N, C-alpha and C. Protein backbone atom coordinates (compact mmCIF):
# COMPACT_ATOMS: atom_id res chain seq x y z
N MET A 1 0.86 -1.18 0.00
CA MET A 1 0.00 0.00 0.00
C MET A 1 0.90 1.24 0.00
N SER A 2 0.56 2.20 -0.82
CA SER A 2 1.34 3.43 -0.89
C SER A 2 0.97 4.37 0.26
N PHE A 3 1.86 5.32 0.51
CA PHE A 3 1.59 6.29 1.56
C PHE A 3 0.37 7.15 1.19
N TYR A 4 0.20 7.42 -0.08
CA TYR A 4 -1.00 8.12 -0.56
C TYR A 4 -2.24 7.35 -0.13
N ASP A 5 -2.25 6.04 -0.39
CA ASP A 5 -3.41 5.21 -0.07
C ASP A 5 -3.70 5.13 1.42
N SER A 6 -2.69 5.43 2.23
CA SER A 6 -2.86 5.41 3.68
C SER A 6 -3.37 6.73 4.23
N THR A 7 -3.37 7.76 3.40
CA THR A 7 -3.72 9.09 3.91
C THR A 7 -4.93 9.70 3.20
N VAL A 8 -4.81 9.98 1.94
CA VAL A 8 -5.86 10.72 1.22
C VAL A 8 -7.23 10.05 1.32
N PRO A 9 -7.36 8.75 1.06
CA PRO A 9 -8.69 8.14 1.18
C PRO A 9 -9.28 8.22 2.59
N ALA A 10 -8.42 8.14 3.61
CA ALA A 10 -8.92 8.24 4.99
C ALA A 10 -9.49 9.63 5.25
N PHE A 11 -8.76 10.65 4.81
CA PHE A 11 -9.27 12.02 4.95
C PHE A 11 -10.58 12.19 4.18
N LEU A 12 -10.61 11.71 2.96
CA LEU A 12 -11.81 11.87 2.12
C LEU A 12 -13.03 11.15 2.72
N GLN A 13 -12.82 9.98 3.29
CA GLN A 13 -13.94 9.24 3.89
C GLN A 13 -14.61 10.07 4.98
N ILE A 14 -13.81 10.61 5.88
CA ILE A 14 -14.39 11.33 7.02
C ILE A 14 -14.91 12.71 6.59
N LEU A 15 -14.25 13.36 5.64
CA LEU A 15 -14.82 14.61 5.13
C LEU A 15 -16.19 14.36 4.53
N GLY A 16 -16.34 13.25 3.82
CA GLY A 16 -17.64 12.89 3.26
C GLY A 16 -18.66 12.61 4.34
N SER A 17 -18.23 11.93 5.40
CA SER A 17 -19.18 11.64 6.47
C SER A 17 -19.58 12.92 7.20
N LEU A 18 -18.64 13.86 7.36
CA LEU A 18 -18.99 15.14 7.98
C LEU A 18 -20.02 15.89 7.14
N SER A 19 -19.90 15.79 5.84
CA SER A 19 -20.89 16.41 4.96
C SER A 19 -22.27 15.80 5.19
N GLY A 20 -22.31 14.48 5.31
CA GLY A 20 -23.58 13.81 5.60
C GLY A 20 -24.14 14.19 6.97
N LEU A 21 -23.25 14.33 7.95
CA LEU A 21 -23.69 14.73 9.29
C LEU A 21 -24.32 16.13 9.25
N LEU A 22 -23.70 17.03 8.51
CA LEU A 22 -24.25 18.39 8.42
C LEU A 22 -25.62 18.40 7.76
N LYS A 23 -25.81 17.55 6.76
CA LYS A 23 -27.12 17.47 6.11
C LYS A 23 -28.18 16.98 7.09
N LYS A 24 -27.82 15.99 7.89
CA LYS A 24 -28.77 15.49 8.89
C LYS A 24 -29.03 16.55 9.96
N ALA A 25 -28.01 17.30 10.32
CA ALA A 25 -28.18 18.36 11.32
C ALA A 25 -29.09 19.46 10.79
N GLU A 26 -28.92 19.81 9.54
CA GLU A 26 -29.77 20.84 8.94
C GLU A 26 -31.23 20.38 8.89
N ALA A 27 -31.43 19.13 8.51
CA ALA A 27 -32.79 18.58 8.47
C ALA A 27 -33.39 18.54 9.87
N TYR A 28 -32.58 18.19 10.85
CA TYR A 28 -33.03 18.16 12.25
C TYR A 28 -33.51 19.55 12.67
N CYS A 29 -32.75 20.57 12.32
CA CYS A 29 -33.13 21.94 12.67
C CYS A 29 -34.47 22.32 12.06
N GLU A 30 -34.70 21.92 10.83
CA GLU A 30 -35.96 22.23 10.15
C GLU A 30 -37.13 21.53 10.84
N VAL A 31 -36.98 20.25 11.11
CA VAL A 31 -38.05 19.46 11.71
C VAL A 31 -38.35 19.91 13.14
N LYS A 32 -37.31 20.15 13.92
CA LYS A 32 -37.48 20.49 15.34
C LYS A 32 -37.61 21.98 15.59
N LYS A 33 -37.57 22.77 14.51
CA LYS A 33 -37.70 24.23 14.62
C LYS A 33 -36.59 24.82 15.50
N VAL A 34 -35.38 24.33 15.30
CA VAL A 34 -34.19 24.83 16.00
C VAL A 34 -33.48 25.79 15.05
N GLN A 35 -33.12 26.96 15.53
CA GLN A 35 -32.37 27.90 14.71
C GLN A 35 -31.00 27.29 14.39
N PRO A 36 -30.60 27.26 13.13
CA PRO A 36 -29.31 26.66 12.76
C PRO A 36 -28.13 27.22 13.56
N GLU A 37 -28.17 28.52 13.86
CA GLU A 37 -27.06 29.13 14.60
C GLU A 37 -26.87 28.48 15.97
N VAL A 38 -27.96 27.98 16.54
CA VAL A 38 -27.87 27.33 17.85
C VAL A 38 -27.02 26.07 17.73
N LEU A 39 -27.31 25.25 16.75
CA LEU A 39 -26.56 24.01 16.57
C LEU A 39 -25.13 24.29 16.09
N LEU A 40 -24.97 25.24 15.19
CA LEU A 40 -23.64 25.58 14.68
C LEU A 40 -22.74 26.14 15.78
N GLY A 41 -23.33 26.74 16.79
CA GLY A 41 -22.58 27.30 17.90
C GLY A 41 -22.49 26.38 19.11
N ALA A 42 -23.09 25.20 19.00
CA ALA A 42 -23.11 24.26 20.14
C ALA A 42 -21.72 23.71 20.42
N ARG A 43 -21.49 23.44 21.71
CA ARG A 43 -20.21 22.91 22.19
C ARG A 43 -20.49 21.72 23.10
N LEU A 44 -19.51 20.85 23.24
CA LEU A 44 -19.66 19.76 24.21
C LEU A 44 -19.42 20.25 25.63
N TYR A 45 -18.61 21.28 25.76
CA TYR A 45 -18.28 21.85 27.06
C TYR A 45 -17.93 23.32 26.82
N PRO A 46 -18.20 24.20 27.77
CA PRO A 46 -18.00 25.63 27.53
C PRO A 46 -16.61 26.02 27.01
N ASP A 47 -15.56 25.31 27.43
CA ASP A 47 -14.22 25.71 26.98
C ASP A 47 -13.80 25.04 25.67
N MET A 48 -14.71 24.31 25.05
CA MET A 48 -14.41 23.67 23.77
C MET A 48 -14.94 24.53 22.63
N LEU A 49 -14.42 24.28 21.44
CA LEU A 49 -14.84 25.04 20.26
C LEU A 49 -16.20 24.56 19.76
N PRO A 50 -16.95 25.45 19.10
CA PRO A 50 -18.29 25.10 18.62
C PRO A 50 -18.22 24.20 17.38
N LEU A 51 -19.37 23.66 17.03
CA LEU A 51 -19.49 22.76 15.88
C LEU A 51 -18.86 23.35 14.62
N SER A 52 -19.18 24.58 14.29
CA SER A 52 -18.66 25.17 13.05
C SER A 52 -17.13 25.16 13.03
N LYS A 53 -16.51 25.48 14.14
CA LYS A 53 -15.04 25.50 14.21
C LYS A 53 -14.47 24.09 14.13
N GLN A 54 -15.17 23.11 14.68
CA GLN A 54 -14.70 21.72 14.60
C GLN A 54 -14.61 21.28 13.13
N ILE A 55 -15.62 21.66 12.35
CA ILE A 55 -15.63 21.31 10.92
C ILE A 55 -14.50 22.04 10.20
N GLN A 56 -14.34 23.31 10.48
CA GLN A 56 -13.28 24.09 9.84
C GLN A 56 -11.90 23.51 10.14
N ILE A 57 -11.66 23.15 11.38
CA ILE A 57 -10.35 22.62 11.76
C ILE A 57 -10.12 21.25 11.13
N ALA A 58 -11.15 20.41 11.08
CA ALA A 58 -10.99 19.11 10.43
C ALA A 58 -10.59 19.31 8.96
N CYS A 59 -11.23 20.24 8.29
CA CYS A 59 -10.87 20.55 6.90
C CYS A 59 -9.41 21.00 6.80
N ASP A 60 -9.02 21.88 7.71
CA ASP A 60 -7.65 22.39 7.69
C ASP A 60 -6.63 21.28 7.90
N PHE A 61 -6.89 20.39 8.83
CA PHE A 61 -5.93 19.30 9.06
C PHE A 61 -5.80 18.40 7.84
N ALA A 62 -6.88 18.11 7.17
CA ALA A 62 -6.81 17.27 5.97
C ALA A 62 -6.00 17.96 4.88
N ALA A 63 -6.36 19.19 4.56
CA ALA A 63 -5.71 19.90 3.46
C ALA A 63 -4.25 20.22 3.77
N LYS A 64 -3.99 20.78 4.93
CA LYS A 64 -2.63 21.19 5.27
C LYS A 64 -1.70 20.00 5.46
N SER A 65 -2.22 18.91 5.97
CA SER A 65 -1.39 17.72 6.15
C SER A 65 -0.93 17.17 4.81
N CYS A 66 -1.85 17.07 3.86
CA CYS A 66 -1.48 16.57 2.53
C CYS A 66 -0.49 17.52 1.86
N ALA A 67 -0.70 18.81 2.00
CA ALA A 67 0.23 19.78 1.42
C ALA A 67 1.62 19.62 2.02
N ARG A 68 1.69 19.51 3.33
CA ARG A 68 3.00 19.38 3.98
C ARG A 68 3.69 18.07 3.58
N LEU A 69 2.94 17.01 3.49
CA LEU A 69 3.53 15.71 3.12
C LEU A 69 4.09 15.71 1.70
N THR A 70 3.50 16.49 0.83
CA THR A 70 3.92 16.50 -0.57
C THR A 70 4.83 17.68 -0.92
N GLY A 71 5.09 18.54 0.05
CA GLY A 71 5.92 19.71 -0.22
C GLY A 71 5.19 20.77 -1.04
N SER A 72 3.87 20.71 -1.04
CA SER A 72 3.06 21.68 -1.76
C SER A 72 2.85 22.93 -0.89
N GLU A 73 2.40 23.99 -1.53
CA GLU A 73 2.07 25.20 -0.77
C GLU A 73 0.92 24.89 0.18
N VAL A 74 1.09 25.28 1.43
CA VAL A 74 0.07 25.00 2.44
C VAL A 74 -1.06 26.02 2.27
N PRO A 75 -2.28 25.53 2.02
CA PRO A 75 -3.40 26.45 1.80
C PRO A 75 -3.84 27.14 3.09
N THR A 76 -4.35 28.33 2.91
CA THR A 76 -4.98 29.03 4.04
C THR A 76 -6.42 29.33 3.65
N THR A 77 -7.30 29.08 4.58
CA THR A 77 -8.71 29.31 4.35
C THR A 77 -9.26 30.08 5.54
N PRO A 78 -9.81 31.27 5.30
CA PRO A 78 -10.40 32.02 6.41
C PRO A 78 -11.64 31.29 6.95
N ASP A 79 -11.83 31.38 8.24
CA ASP A 79 -12.97 30.72 8.89
C ASP A 79 -14.17 31.65 8.92
N THR A 80 -14.86 31.74 7.79
CA THR A 80 -15.96 32.69 7.65
C THR A 80 -17.33 32.02 7.56
N GLU A 81 -17.36 30.69 7.56
CA GLU A 81 -18.63 29.98 7.37
C GLU A 81 -19.57 30.20 8.55
N LYS A 82 -20.82 30.50 8.22
CA LYS A 82 -21.82 30.77 9.25
C LYS A 82 -23.10 29.98 9.06
N SER A 83 -23.11 29.05 8.11
CA SER A 83 -24.31 28.27 7.85
C SER A 83 -23.94 26.84 7.49
N PHE A 84 -24.94 25.96 7.53
CA PHE A 84 -24.71 24.58 7.12
C PHE A 84 -24.25 24.54 5.67
N GLU A 85 -24.88 25.36 4.84
CA GLU A 85 -24.52 25.38 3.42
C GLU A 85 -23.06 25.79 3.22
N GLU A 86 -22.64 26.84 3.91
CA GLU A 86 -21.25 27.30 3.77
C GLU A 86 -20.26 26.27 4.28
N LEU A 87 -20.58 25.62 5.39
CA LEU A 87 -19.69 24.56 5.89
C LEU A 87 -19.66 23.38 4.93
N GLY A 88 -20.80 23.07 4.33
CA GLY A 88 -20.84 22.00 3.33
C GLY A 88 -19.96 22.35 2.13
N GLN A 89 -19.97 23.61 1.74
CA GLN A 89 -19.12 24.05 0.63
C GLN A 89 -17.64 23.94 1.00
N ARG A 90 -17.32 24.25 2.24
CA ARG A 90 -15.92 24.13 2.68
C ARG A 90 -15.48 22.67 2.65
N LEU A 91 -16.33 21.78 3.12
CA LEU A 91 -16.02 20.36 3.06
C LEU A 91 -15.82 19.90 1.62
N ALA A 92 -16.69 20.36 0.72
CA ALA A 92 -16.58 19.99 -0.69
C ALA A 92 -15.29 20.53 -1.31
N LYS A 93 -14.95 21.77 -1.01
CA LYS A 93 -13.72 22.36 -1.55
C LYS A 93 -12.49 21.63 -1.03
N THR A 94 -12.54 21.26 0.24
CA THR A 94 -11.41 20.52 0.81
C THR A 94 -11.28 19.16 0.13
N SER A 95 -12.38 18.47 -0.05
CA SER A 95 -12.35 17.18 -0.73
C SER A 95 -11.84 17.33 -2.16
N ASP A 96 -12.31 18.34 -2.86
CA ASP A 96 -11.84 18.59 -4.23
C ASP A 96 -10.34 18.85 -4.25
N TYR A 97 -9.85 19.60 -3.27
CA TYR A 97 -8.42 19.88 -3.17
C TYR A 97 -7.64 18.58 -2.96
N LEU A 98 -8.10 17.73 -2.07
CA LEU A 98 -7.40 16.47 -1.81
C LEU A 98 -7.38 15.57 -3.04
N LYS A 99 -8.43 15.65 -3.83
CA LYS A 99 -8.50 14.83 -5.04
C LYS A 99 -7.52 15.27 -6.12
N THR A 100 -6.92 16.45 -5.96
CA THR A 100 -5.92 16.90 -6.94
C THR A 100 -4.57 16.22 -6.72
N PHE A 101 -4.36 15.65 -5.54
CA PHE A 101 -3.08 14.99 -5.25
C PHE A 101 -3.01 13.65 -5.98
N LYS A 102 -1.80 13.32 -6.41
CA LYS A 102 -1.54 12.06 -7.10
C LYS A 102 -0.64 11.19 -6.22
N PRO A 103 -0.77 9.88 -6.32
CA PRO A 103 0.07 8.98 -5.50
C PRO A 103 1.57 9.28 -5.61
N ALA A 104 2.03 9.65 -6.78
CA ALA A 104 3.47 9.90 -6.96
C ALA A 104 3.96 11.05 -6.07
N GLN A 105 3.08 11.99 -5.75
CA GLN A 105 3.48 13.11 -4.90
C GLN A 105 3.80 12.66 -3.48
N PHE A 106 3.31 11.51 -3.08
CA PHE A 106 3.50 11.01 -1.72
C PHE A 106 4.67 10.03 -1.62
N GLU A 107 5.30 9.71 -2.75
CA GLU A 107 6.42 8.77 -2.72
C GLU A 107 7.54 9.32 -1.85
N GLY A 108 7.95 8.54 -0.88
CA GLY A 108 9.01 8.94 0.04
C GLY A 108 8.56 9.88 1.14
N ALA A 109 7.30 10.31 1.12
CA ALA A 109 6.81 11.28 2.11
C ALA A 109 6.81 10.69 3.52
N ASP A 110 6.69 9.38 3.62
CA ASP A 110 6.68 8.75 4.95
C ASP A 110 8.01 8.94 5.68
N ALA A 111 9.11 9.10 4.95
CA ALA A 111 10.43 9.21 5.55
C ALA A 111 11.00 10.63 5.52
N LYS A 112 10.32 11.55 4.86
CA LYS A 112 10.86 12.91 4.76
C LYS A 112 10.50 13.75 5.98
N ASP A 113 11.27 14.78 6.23
CA ASP A 113 10.99 15.69 7.33
C ASP A 113 9.79 16.56 7.00
N VAL A 114 8.89 16.66 7.96
CA VAL A 114 7.72 17.53 7.83
C VAL A 114 7.76 18.49 9.01
N THR A 115 7.83 19.77 8.70
CA THR A 115 7.85 20.80 9.74
C THR A 115 6.50 21.50 9.74
N PHE A 116 5.96 21.69 10.93
CA PHE A 116 4.63 22.26 11.07
C PHE A 116 4.55 23.06 12.36
N PRO A 117 3.63 24.03 12.40
CA PRO A 117 3.48 24.83 13.63
C PRO A 117 2.78 24.03 14.72
N ALA A 118 3.28 24.22 15.93
CA ALA A 118 2.66 23.58 17.10
C ALA A 118 2.48 24.63 18.18
N GLY A 119 1.86 25.71 17.81
CA GLY A 119 1.67 26.84 18.71
C GLY A 119 2.12 28.11 18.01
N PRO A 120 1.88 29.25 18.63
CA PRO A 120 2.15 30.52 17.97
C PRO A 120 3.64 30.75 17.65
N ASN A 121 4.54 30.24 18.46
CA ASN A 121 5.96 30.50 18.26
C ASN A 121 6.79 29.22 18.22
N THR A 122 6.16 28.10 17.91
CA THR A 122 6.85 26.83 17.96
C THR A 122 6.59 26.02 16.70
N ASN A 123 7.66 25.48 16.13
CA ASN A 123 7.55 24.54 15.03
C ASN A 123 8.11 23.20 15.49
N ILE A 124 7.57 22.13 14.95
CA ILE A 124 8.05 20.79 15.23
C ILE A 124 8.36 20.13 13.89
N THR A 125 9.39 19.31 13.87
CA THR A 125 9.72 18.54 12.68
C THR A 125 9.67 17.06 13.03
N LEU A 126 8.89 16.32 12.24
CA LEU A 126 8.78 14.87 12.38
C LEU A 126 8.94 14.24 11.01
N LYS A 127 9.29 12.97 10.98
CA LYS A 127 9.26 12.23 9.72
C LYS A 127 7.80 12.09 9.30
N GLY A 128 7.54 11.99 8.01
CA GLY A 128 6.18 11.96 7.48
C GLY A 128 5.26 10.95 8.15
N GLN A 129 5.73 9.72 8.33
CA GLN A 129 4.89 8.69 8.95
C GLN A 129 4.54 9.07 10.38
N GLU A 130 5.54 9.57 11.09
CA GLU A 130 5.32 10.00 12.47
C GLU A 130 4.37 11.20 12.51
N PHE A 131 4.53 12.13 11.57
CA PHE A 131 3.64 13.29 11.48
C PHE A 131 2.19 12.86 11.30
N VAL A 132 1.96 11.90 10.41
CA VAL A 132 0.60 11.41 10.16
C VAL A 132 0.05 10.71 11.39
N ASN A 133 0.84 9.80 11.95
CA ASN A 133 0.36 8.97 13.07
C ASN A 133 0.22 9.70 14.39
N ARG A 134 1.10 10.65 14.65
CA ARG A 134 1.12 11.30 15.96
C ARG A 134 0.51 12.69 15.98
N PHE A 135 0.29 13.29 14.79
CA PHE A 135 -0.21 14.66 14.77
C PHE A 135 -1.41 14.84 13.84
N ALA A 136 -1.23 14.53 12.56
CA ALA A 136 -2.28 14.82 11.57
C ALA A 136 -3.56 14.03 11.84
N PHE A 137 -3.45 12.69 11.85
CA PHE A 137 -4.65 11.88 12.06
C PHE A 137 -5.27 12.10 13.43
N PRO A 138 -4.50 12.09 14.53
CA PRO A 138 -5.16 12.31 15.83
C PRO A 138 -5.94 13.62 15.89
N ASN A 139 -5.36 14.70 15.38
CA ASN A 139 -6.06 15.98 15.40
C ASN A 139 -7.28 15.97 14.48
N PHE A 140 -7.11 15.45 13.28
CA PHE A 140 -8.21 15.37 12.32
C PHE A 140 -9.38 14.58 12.90
N TYR A 141 -9.10 13.39 13.42
CA TYR A 141 -10.17 12.55 13.97
C TYR A 141 -10.77 13.14 15.24
N PHE A 142 -9.96 13.82 16.05
CA PHE A 142 -10.48 14.46 17.25
C PHE A 142 -11.57 15.47 16.88
N HIS A 143 -11.26 16.34 15.92
CA HIS A 143 -12.23 17.38 15.56
C HIS A 143 -13.45 16.80 14.84
N ALA A 144 -13.24 15.77 14.02
CA ALA A 144 -14.38 15.12 13.36
C ALA A 144 -15.26 14.41 14.38
N ALA A 145 -14.65 13.70 15.32
CA ALA A 145 -15.42 13.00 16.35
C ALA A 145 -16.13 13.98 17.28
N THR A 146 -15.48 15.10 17.56
CA THR A 146 -16.12 16.11 18.41
C THR A 146 -17.33 16.71 17.71
N ALA A 147 -17.22 16.96 16.41
CA ALA A 147 -18.38 17.45 15.65
C ALA A 147 -19.53 16.45 15.74
N HIS A 148 -19.22 15.17 15.56
CA HIS A 148 -20.23 14.12 15.68
C HIS A 148 -20.84 14.14 17.08
N GLY A 149 -19.99 14.24 18.09
CA GLY A 149 -20.46 14.25 19.48
C GLY A 149 -21.37 15.43 19.79
N ILE A 150 -21.03 16.59 19.26
CA ILE A 150 -21.87 17.78 19.47
C ILE A 150 -23.26 17.55 18.88
N LEU A 151 -23.30 17.03 17.67
CA LEU A 151 -24.60 16.80 17.03
C LEU A 151 -25.40 15.74 17.77
N ARG A 152 -24.75 14.66 18.15
CA ARG A 152 -25.46 13.58 18.86
C ARG A 152 -25.97 14.08 20.22
N HIS A 153 -25.12 14.83 20.91
CA HIS A 153 -25.49 15.37 22.22
C HIS A 153 -26.70 16.29 22.13
N ASN A 154 -26.85 16.94 20.99
CA ASN A 154 -27.96 17.88 20.79
C ASN A 154 -29.18 17.24 20.15
N GLY A 155 -29.19 15.92 20.06
CA GLY A 155 -30.39 15.23 19.63
C GLY A 155 -30.45 14.80 18.18
N VAL A 156 -29.44 15.13 17.38
CA VAL A 156 -29.46 14.69 15.99
C VAL A 156 -29.29 13.17 15.98
N GLU A 157 -30.19 12.50 15.29
CA GLU A 157 -30.18 11.04 15.29
C GLU A 157 -29.12 10.51 14.33
N ILE A 158 -27.92 10.38 14.88
CA ILE A 158 -26.78 9.85 14.14
C ILE A 158 -26.07 8.83 15.01
N GLY A 159 -25.29 7.99 14.38
CA GLY A 159 -24.56 6.98 15.12
C GLY A 159 -23.19 6.75 14.50
N LYS A 160 -22.59 5.65 14.89
CA LYS A 160 -21.26 5.30 14.43
C LYS A 160 -21.18 5.16 12.92
N ARG A 161 -22.20 4.54 12.35
CA ARG A 161 -22.20 4.35 10.89
C ARG A 161 -22.20 5.69 10.16
N ASP A 162 -22.86 6.68 10.73
CA ASP A 162 -22.85 8.03 10.14
C ASP A 162 -21.44 8.61 10.20
N PHE A 163 -20.76 8.42 11.34
CA PHE A 163 -19.39 8.92 11.48
C PHE A 163 -18.48 8.26 10.45
N LEU A 164 -18.67 6.97 10.24
CA LEU A 164 -17.84 6.24 9.28
C LEU A 164 -18.24 6.51 7.84
N GLY A 165 -19.41 7.10 7.64
CA GLY A 165 -19.88 7.40 6.30
C GLY A 165 -20.41 6.19 5.57
N VAL A 166 -20.94 5.22 6.33
CA VAL A 166 -21.46 3.99 5.71
C VAL A 166 -22.94 3.79 6.00
N SER A 167 -23.61 4.83 6.46
CA SER A 167 -25.03 4.66 6.80
C SER A 167 -25.91 4.64 5.58
């Protein structure tokens, strides 16, 4: 299995499932007469980020991780989404961006140095495989799972299969 096959499809699967989760959340708001802003601003705990930010960060981890692994320019995307539709568009744009990568771009990426920010004034350098296993995937899945948890906690009828994108 190539390093590309170990990364890009995993990101795409969960980005797709997040898109499905947002559609279910939007439908839930319509049926239950909940203002979308309430759900988009919902948190699991007061000191945690809201649903909208969880989606934005998951997108950023997918896109920026692939860029760093391939030595491509790291994209920047302003966090301006304020609706389910806008977040859905961000997920779609991120997926489209990931689909531009080719397996050849990932050749040797598992062993190359990847430098990334780990705070406002700190950079860390890890080998590509270590970067994916210890930083990119854990952060990506944390924010995706937190988005799922926020929706489930607020009554949206979703489960594990929805998170996996196989419902």
